[in-house]
Protein backbone atom coordinates (compact mmCIF):
# COMPACT_ATOMS: atom_id res chain seq x y z
CA UNK A 1 3.02 -23.85 -31.16
CA UNK A 2 3.77 -27.20 -30.05
CA UNK A 3 6.77 -27.04 -27.65
CA UNK A 4 5.45 -25.14 -24.23
CA UNK A 5 7.93 -24.31 -21.64
CA UNK A 6 6.60 -24.11 -17.98
CA UNK A 7 7.88 -22.66 -14.99
CA UNK A 8 6.72 -23.65 -11.53
CA UNK A 9 5.34 -27.18 -13.52
CA UNK A 10 6.15 -29.04 -10.28
CA UNK A 11 3.59 -27.27 -8.47
CA UNK A 12 -0.27 -28.53 -8.07
CA UNK A 13 -1.08 -26.20 -11.17
CA UNK A 14 1.68 -27.16 -13.22
CA UNK A 15 1.14 -30.85 -13.52
CA UNK A 16 -2.14 -30.46 -14.03
CA UNK A 17 -1.36 -28.08 -17.27
CA UNK A 18 1.14 -30.57 -17.97
CA UNK A 19 -0.89 -33.19 -17.81
CA UNK A 20 -3.27 -31.58 -19.95
CA UNK A 21 -1.18 -30.92 -22.70
CA UNK A 22 0.40 -33.97 -23.22
CA UNK A 23 -3.03 -35.70 -23.77
CA UNK A 24 -3.39 -33.20 -26.67
CA UNK A 25 -0.32 -34.49 -28.74
CA UNK A 26 1.92 -30.74 -26.82
CA UNK A 27 5.49 -30.93 -25.71
CA UNK A 28 6.49 -29.55 -22.41
CA UNK A 29 9.24 -28.75 -20.53
CA UNK A 30 9.77 -27.68 -17.23
CA UNK A 31 11.95 -24.46 -16.81
CA UNK A 32 13.79 -26.26 -12.73
CA UNK A 33 16.35 -25.55 -10.36
CA UNK A 34 17.92 -29.73 -11.42
CA UNK A 35 17.16 -31.65 -13.86
CA UNK A 36 14.17 -33.33 -14.27
CA UNK A 37 12.88 -36.81 -15.16
CA UNK A 38 11.11 -35.02 -17.52
CA UNK A 39 12.43 -32.70 -20.22
CA UNK A 40 13.52 -29.99 -18.61
CA UNK A 41 15.61 -26.74 -18.42
CA UNK A 42 18.13 -24.89 -15.48
CA UNK A 43 17.51 -21.71 -14.38
CA UNK A 44 18.56 -20.27 -11.13
CA UNK A 45 16.86 -17.24 -10.19
CA UNK A 46 18.98 -15.74 -7.46
CA UNK A 47 22.14 -16.15 -9.82
CA UNK A 48 20.21 -14.52 -12.62
CA UNK A 49 21.19 -17.34 -14.60
CA UNK A 50 18.70 -19.52 -17.39
CA UNK A 51 19.52 -21.84 -20.38
CA UNK A 52 19.23 -20.02 -23.28
CA UNK A 53 18.02 -22.77 -25.10
CA UNK A 54 14.77 -22.88 -22.95
CA UNK A 55 13.19 -19.79 -24.81
CA UNK A 56 14.67 -21.09 -28.19
CA UNK A 57 13.09 -24.28 -28.08
CA UNK A 58 9.69 -22.57 -26.57
CA UNK A 59 6.92 -21.34 -29.20
CA UNK A 60 5.06 -20.33 -25.80
CA UNK A 61 5.74 -19.86 -22.02
CA UNK A 62 3.38 -20.28 -19.28
CA UNK A 63 4.83 -18.97 -15.46
CA UNK A 64 3.30 -20.13 -12.83
CA UNK A 65 6.65 -20.27 -10.47
CA UNK A 66 6.53 -18.14 -7.27
CA UNK A 67 6.79 -18.78 -3.98
CA UNK A 68 3.99 -20.16 -1.75
CA UNK A 69 2.03 -17.05 -0.25
CA UNK A 70 0.33 -19.29 2.41
CA UNK A 71 3.17 -22.02 3.29
CA UNK A 72 5.18 -19.88 5.79
CA UNK A 73 4.31 -17.26 8.29
CA UNK A 74 5.10 -13.95 6.88
CA UNK A 75 8.68 -12.58 8.26
CA UNK A 76 10.32 -9.95 6.81
CA UNK A 77 12.77 -12.26 4.64
CA UNK A 78 10.31 -14.52 3.35
CA UNK A 79 7.81 -11.78 2.36
CA UNK A 80 11.14 -10.54 0.22
CA UNK A 81 11.09 -13.92 -0.93
CA UNK A 82 7.61 -13.65 -1.95
CA UNK A 83 7.98 -10.47 -3.92
CA UNK A 84 11.05 -11.80 -5.48
CA UNK A 85 10.60 -15.21 -6.36
CA UNK A 86 7.83 -13.20 -8.38
CA UNK A 87 9.52 -9.98 -9.98
CA UNK A 88 13.08 -11.59 -10.60
CA UNK A 89 12.25 -14.59 -12.48
CA UNK A 90 9.72 -12.60 -13.95
CA UNK A 91 13.11 -10.01 -14.94
CA UNK A 92 14.85 -13.40 -16.20
CA UNK A 93 12.81 -14.46 -18.20
CA UNK A 94 12.26 -11.19 -19.84
CA UNK A 95 15.95 -10.46 -20.61
CA UNK A 96 16.21 -14.83 -21.85
CA UNK A 97 13.29 -13.42 -24.98
CA UNK A 98 14.92 -10.71 -25.51
CA UNK A 99 18.09 -11.84 -26.43
CA UNK A 100 16.80 -14.92 -27.94
CA UNK A 101 16.87 -15.42 -32.11
CA UNK A 102 13.65 -17.59 -32.28
CA UNK A 103 10.81 -15.81 -29.58
CA UNK A 104 7.97 -17.17 -28.30
CA UNK A 105 4.78 -16.54 -29.30
CA UNK A 106 2.48 -16.41 -26.55
CA UNK A 107 3.55 -15.99 -22.96
CA UNK A 108 1.27 -16.70 -20.60
CA UNK A 109 1.18 -15.86 -17.03
CA UNK A 110 -0.52 -16.41 -13.88
CA UNK A 111 -1.16 -13.84 -11.06
CA UNK A 112 -3.83 -13.23 -8.08
CA UNK A 113 -7.24 -11.53 -6.98
CA UNK A 114 -4.55 -10.34 -4.09
CA UNK A 115 -4.69 -7.88 -6.51
CA UNK A 116 -7.21 -6.38 -4.90
CA UNK A 117 -7.11 -6.05 -2.08
CA UNK A 118 -7.01 -8.33 1.19
CA UNK A 119 -10.97 -6.88 1.71
CA UNK A 120 -12.89 -6.19 -0.80
CA UNK A 121 -16.25 -6.55 0.92
CA UNK A 122 -19.42 -7.33 -1.57
CA UNK A 123 -18.35 -4.70 -3.92
CA UNK A 124 -17.96 -7.77 -7.45
CA UNK A 125 -14.51 -6.94 -8.61
CA UNK A 126 -13.29 -6.63 -12.24
CA UNK A 127 -10.05 -6.15 -14.12
CA UNK A 128 -10.30 -3.07 -14.31
CA UNK A 129 -11.33 -2.06 -10.91
CA UNK A 130 -8.51 0.03 -8.63
CA UNK A 131 -6.00 -2.50 -6.88
CA UNK A 132 -5.53 -2.42 -3.68
CA UNK A 133 -2.58 -1.10 -1.08
CA UNK A 134 -1.50 -3.97 0.90
CA UNK A 135 1.70 -6.30 0.72
CA UNK A 136 0.07 -8.41 -1.43
CA UNK A 137 -1.41 -5.69 -3.52
CA UNK A 138 2.33 -4.62 -3.62
CA UNK A 139 3.14 -7.70 -4.47
CA UNK A 140 1.11 -7.88 -7.53
CA UNK A 141 1.31 -5.15 -8.93
CA UNK A 142 4.99 -5.08 -9.50
CA UNK A 143 4.48 -9.03 -10.72
CA UNK A 144 2.26 -7.77 -13.65
CA UNK A 145 4.41 -4.98 -13.98
CA UNK A 146 7.19 -7.59 -14.82
CA UNK A 147 4.86 -9.46 -16.96
CA UNK A 148 3.99 -5.84 -18.99
CA UNK A 149 7.68 -5.32 -19.82
CA UNK A 150 7.13 -8.82 -21.84
CA UNK A 151 4.23 -7.46 -23.91
CA UNK A 152 6.27 -5.13 -25.15
CA UNK A 153 8.52 -7.49 -26.60
CA UNK A 154 5.58 -8.14 -29.17
CA UNK A 155 4.77 -11.35 -27.49
CA UNK A 156 0.61 -12.33 -26.68
CA UNK A 157 0.24 -11.96 -23.20
CA UNK A 158 -2.16 -13.15 -21.17
CA UNK A 159 -2.52 -12.26 -16.54
CA UNK A 160 -4.64 -14.48 -15.43
CA UNK A 161 -5.91 -13.31 -11.87
CA UNK A 162 -5.80 -16.67 -9.56
CA UNK A 163 -8.73 -16.79 -6.83
CA UNK A 164 -8.69 -19.70 -4.15
CA UNK A 165 -7.62 -22.91 -6.08
CA UNK A 166 -10.09 -26.31 -4.47
CA UNK A 167 -8.16 -29.32 -4.81
CA UNK A 168 -7.55 -32.40 -2.80
CA UNK A 169 -4.05 -32.79 -3.06
CA UNK A 170 -3.01 -28.86 -1.66
CA UNK A 171 -3.69 -24.96 -1.12
CA UNK A 172 -6.96 -24.06 0.72
CA UNK A 173 -9.13 -26.85 1.08
CA UNK A 174 -6.46 -29.07 2.13
CA UNK A 175 -5.44 -27.00 5.24
CA UNK A 176 -9.21 -26.43 5.95
CA UNK A 177 -9.85 -29.62 6.44
CA UNK A 178 -6.73 -30.62 8.85
CA UNK A 179 -8.51 -30.23 12.51
CA UNK A 180 -11.28 -32.72 13.79
CA UNK A 181 -13.89 -29.89 13.28
CA UNK A 182 -14.48 -27.75 10.23
CA UNK A 183 -15.29 -24.30 11.47
CA UNK A 184 -15.55 -21.05 9.21
CA UNK A 185 -12.75 -18.11 9.66
CA UNK A 186 -14.17 -15.31 11.89
CA UNK A 187 -17.22 -14.59 10.47
CA UNK A 188 -17.02 -16.18 7.73
CA UNK A 189 -19.01 -13.54 6.32
CA UNK A 190 -15.74 -12.56 3.19
CA UNK A 191 -16.38 -14.18 -0.06
CA UNK A 192 -13.88 -16.19 -1.27
CA UNK A 193 -13.37 -16.64 -5.20
CA UNK A 194 -12.73 -20.28 -5.75
CA UNK A 195 -12.41 -22.55 -8.64
CA UNK A 196 -11.88 -25.89 -9.33
CA UNK A 197 -7.94 -26.93 -10.65
CA UNK A 198 -9.36 -28.89 -13.08
CA UNK A 199 -11.26 -25.46 -14.45
CA UNK A 200 -8.01 -23.78 -13.68
CA UNK A 201 -6.44 -25.81 -15.54
CA UNK A 202 -8.22 -25.96 -18.57
CA UNK A 203 -8.13 -22.20 -18.35
CA UNK A 204 -4.86 -21.92 -19.20
CA UNK A 205 -5.14 -24.45 -22.24
CA UNK A 206 -7.85 -21.94 -23.26
CA UNK A 207 -5.25 -18.95 -23.02
CA UNK A 208 -2.65 -20.02 -24.48
CA UNK A 209 -4.91 -22.00 -28.23
CA UNK A 210 -7.02 -18.66 -28.26
CA UNK A 211 -5.04 -16.59 -30.72
CA UNK A 212 -6.92 -13.25 -29.87
CA UNK A 213 -6.88 -13.40 -26.37
CA UNK A 214 -4.76 -10.82 -24.74
CA UNK A 215 -4.82 -9.33 -21.35
CA UNK A 216 -5.85 -9.19 -18.00
CA UNK A 217 -8.64 -12.13 -17.19
CA UNK A 218 -9.86 -13.07 -13.20
CA UNK A 219 -9.27 -17.10 -12.91
CA UNK A 220 -12.01 -17.55 -11.01
CA UNK A 221 -15.59 -19.18 -11.57
CA UNK A 222 -18.63 -17.73 -11.50
CA UNK A 223 -20.20 -18.40 -7.89
CA UNK A 224 -18.28 -16.66 -5.18
CA UNK A 225 -19.03 -18.34 -1.78
CA UNK A 226 -19.02 -16.52 1.39
CA UNK A 227 -15.80 -18.83 3.66
CA UNK A 228 -18.94 -20.50 5.45
CA UNK A 229 -20.63 -21.07 2.70
CA UNK A 230 -17.10 -23.25 1.19
CA UNK A 231 -16.18 -24.54 4.80
CA UNK A 232 -19.82 -26.57 4.87
CA UNK A 233 -19.34 -27.71 1.79
CA UNK A 234 -16.12 -28.90 2.08
CA UNK A 235 -17.10 -30.16 5.57
CA UNK A 236 -20.21 -32.25 4.04
CA UNK A 237 -18.16 -34.30 1.06
CA UNK A 238 -15.71 -35.53 3.35
CA UNK A 239 -18.14 -36.35 5.92
CA UNK A 240 -16.23 -34.15 8.47
CA UNK A 241 -18.59 -32.53 11.85
CA UNK A 242 -19.42 -28.86 10.89
CA UNK A 243 -19.58 -26.23 13.12
CA UNK A 244 -20.79 -22.79 12.47
CA UNK A 245 -18.60 -20.92 15.04
CA UNK A 246 -15.93 -18.78 13.77
CA UNK A 247 -12.29 -19.34 14.46
CA UNK A 248 -12.22 -15.96 16.77
CA UNK A 249 -10.41 -13.11 14.64
CA UNK A 250 -7.33 -12.57 17.53
CA UNK A 251 -7.11 -16.54 17.68
CA UNK A 252 -6.29 -16.56 13.20
CA UNK A 253 -4.01 -13.17 14.59
CA UNK A 254 -1.78 -14.64 17.67
CA UNK A 255 -1.12 -18.25 15.06
CA UNK A 256 -0.61 -15.99 11.76
CA UNK A 257 0.62 -12.97 12.39
CA UNK A 258 -0.19 -10.11 9.31
CA UNK A 259 -1.19 -13.40 6.96
CA UNK A 260 -3.93 -13.33 9.07
CA UNK A 261 -5.09 -10.97 7.49
CA UNK A 262 -5.35 -12.97 4.29
CA UNK A 263 -8.01 -15.10 5.78
CA UNK A 264 -10.10 -12.89 7.70
CA UNK A 265 -10.82 -10.51 4.27
CA UNK A 266 -11.67 -11.98 0.97
CA UNK A 267 -12.86 -10.65 -2.56
CA UNK A 268 -15.39 -11.41 -4.99
CA UNK A 269 -14.96 -11.33 -8.13
CA UNK A 270 -16.04 -11.42 -11.34
CA UNK A 271 -15.37 -13.68 -13.99
CA UNK A 272 -17.30 -12.51 -17.02
CA UNK A 273 -14.58 -10.94 -19.12
CA UNK A 274 -13.46 -15.08 -19.86
CA UNK A 275 -16.43 -16.11 -20.02
CA UNK A 276 -17.79 -13.43 -22.97
CA UNK A 277 -14.40 -14.60 -24.19
CA UNK A 278 -15.33 -18.13 -25.10
CA UNK A 279 -14.63 -19.95 -21.46
CA UNK A 280 -16.75 -22.24 -20.22
CA UNK A 281 -17.09 -23.82 -16.76
CA UNK A 282 -17.46 -27.66 -16.03
CA UNK A 283 -17.52 -26.97 -12.01
CA UNK A 284 -19.29 -23.46 -12.44
CA UNK A 285 -21.57 -25.03 -8.94
CA UNK A 286 -20.28 -25.59 -5.10
CA UNK A 287 -21.58 -28.45 -4.28
CA UNK A 288 -20.55 -29.88 -7.38
CA UNK A 289 -17.25 -28.65 -7.19
CA UNK A 290 -16.67 -30.43 -3.96
CA UNK A 291 -18.64 -34.02 -4.98
CA UNK A 292 -15.94 -33.71 -8.06
CA UNK A 293 -12.99 -33.75 -6.05
CA UNK A 294 -13.88 -35.75 -2.97
């Protein structure tokens, strides 16, 4: 394998993966709605168009594309976009692969720990546990169903259920540290299964290169933290004042609407399966991860 096609390549995780791959000598191309300065192929999910040369060129595909879950308030229109940007993009890739003469060898797809539901309490969730029934769980189930259709095309397929990604440039940490004073959300007792962005990028490469790896894996670090613990560690790392009084639940519901359930709930998710497969974390300790990031 030398040619790797990435959807969502311009995003936070996609750029990290691209950098790691190119450092290792891989040729990387992005599937994009517009031509990029780097090697790229065009696609338009809404119109159902994809350059057929993309899947002919690719030895493997890393699929990250999907509208941001936490970027905007969840109107009916936004919820539809969150769902269809994942299911329709995957279905489009399925059809392109099915019609390709030279099919890729592997398909590595993002997924999310939202599969388990907004709030699973203190239980340690594993890959074979039952899915939740809320909005995000429904989205992830539909997304994974489309990925498994690709598996039926006899490609080695890996699903990585991603948790809270820690990086200074975007995602949860950037939002948590916007206010002048850091404070937990709600009770602060809800679990956050986090992973350092560098470990996540490395995990995608691991899934790509370990040719015996197949199936679903939790892409989270080995030491989940509560919202209070994570907020406090982030505040200390950047030298920001921390207040232990949580932002009240009703305030979050007023500001975020239905999306508040995502931050008021939480998941404590196991990383044992990916570790048993041979993956080693560089950032297993929360304080060390924060020190690295900031």
